[in-house]
Amino acid sequence: MQMNVGSIDRVARVIVGLILLAIVFVGPKTLWGLLGLIPLVTALIGFCPAYGLLGICSTRSNSGGQSTRTA
């Protein structure tokens, strides 16, 4: 499992994940907010299965840190 989520992408995933998790405790208080665990986990491990399937990599090891698609 090779890391395919870059640092900016990881920060965005943490923010989105925390916002979604907040829905469980604040606001409508629905369990749909538990979907926030998905971006949090992918940010913590640095690997996104969807990126792997689509051939996307947002790490800096590619051309200048820009998102690239490998085919």
Protein backbone atom coordinates (compact mmCIF):
# COMPACT_ATOMS: atom_id res chain seq x y z
CA MET A 1 0.00 0.00 0.00
CA GLN A 2 1.88 3.04 -1.31
CA MET A 3 1.05 6.52 0.00
CA ASN A 4 -1.03 8.41 -2.56
CA VAL A 5 -2.43 11.31 -0.49
CA GLY A 6 -0.29 14.46 -0.29
CA SER A 7 0.03 16.83 2.66
CA ILE A 8 -2.40 19.50 1.42
CA ASP A 9 -4.88 16.77 0.55
CA ARG A 10 -4.44 15.27 4.02
CA VAL A 11 -5.12 18.58 5.76
CA ALA A 12 -8.27 19.08 3.68
CA ARG A 13 -9.44 15.56 4.52
CA VAL A 14 -8.93 16.14 8.26
CA ILE A 15 -10.92 19.38 8.13
CA VAL A 16 -13.77 17.82 6.12
CA GLY A 17 -13.77 14.75 8.36
CA LEU A 18 -14.00 16.81 11.53
CA ILE A 19 -16.81 18.92 10.11
CA LEU A 20 -18.75 15.81 9.14
CA LEU A 21 -18.15 14.24 12.55
CA ALA A 22 -19.46 17.40 14.21
CA ILE A 23 -22.84 16.67 12.61
CA VAL A 24 -23.16 13.71 14.99
CA PHE A 25 -22.86 15.96 18.05
CA VAL A 26 -24.06 19.38 16.87
CA GLY A 27 -26.77 20.41 14.44
CA PRO A 28 -29.07 17.71 13.10
CA LYS A 29 -27.37 15.02 15.27
CA THR A 30 -27.66 12.29 12.66
CA LEU A 31 -25.43 9.29 12.22
CA TRP A 32 -24.63 10.42 8.66
CA GLY A 33 -21.84 12.43 10.25
CA LEU A 34 -19.98 9.17 10.88
CA LEU A 35 -19.05 9.30 7.20
CA GLY A 36 -16.46 11.81 8.42
CA LEU A 37 -14.42 8.83 9.61
CA ILE A 38 -13.59 7.96 5.99
CA PRO A 39 -11.62 11.12 5.15
CA LEU A 40 -10.04 11.09 8.63
CA VAL A 41 -8.78 7.53 8.25
CA THR A 42 -7.49 8.10 4.72
CA ALA A 43 -5.68 11.23 5.93
CA LEU A 44 -4.10 9.40 8.86
CA ILE A 45 -2.85 6.43 6.82
CA GLY A 46 -1.98 8.50 3.72
CA PHE A 47 -3.70 6.10 1.34
CA CYS A 48 -7.02 6.50 -0.44
CA PRO A 49 -8.45 3.37 -2.11
CA ALA A 50 -10.48 5.50 -4.55
CA TYR A 51 -7.29 7.31 -5.62
CA GLY A 52 -5.66 3.92 -6.12
CA LEU A 53 -8.47 2.71 -8.37
CA LEU A 54 -8.42 5.92 -10.40
CA GLY A 55 -4.62 6.11 -10.60
CA ILE A 56 -4.45 9.47 -8.82
CA CYS A 57 -1.53 10.48 -6.61
CA SER A 58 -1.29 13.84 -4.84
CA THR A 59 2.09 13.33 -3.17
CA ARG A 60 5.07 15.58 -3.86
CA SER A 61 7.14 12.75 -5.27
CA ASN A 62 5.45 13.44 -8.60
CA SER A 63 6.07 16.37 -10.93
CA GLY A 64 6.42 19.38 -8.64
CA GLY A 65 3.75 18.34 -6.14
CA GLN A 66 0.86 18.63 -8.53
CA SER A 67 -1.83 15.98 -8.71
CA THR A 68 -1.18 13.56 -11.51
CA ARG A 69 -2.95 10.63 -13.07
CA THR A 70 -1.03 7.54 -13.94
CA ALA A 71 -2.40 5.27 -16.59
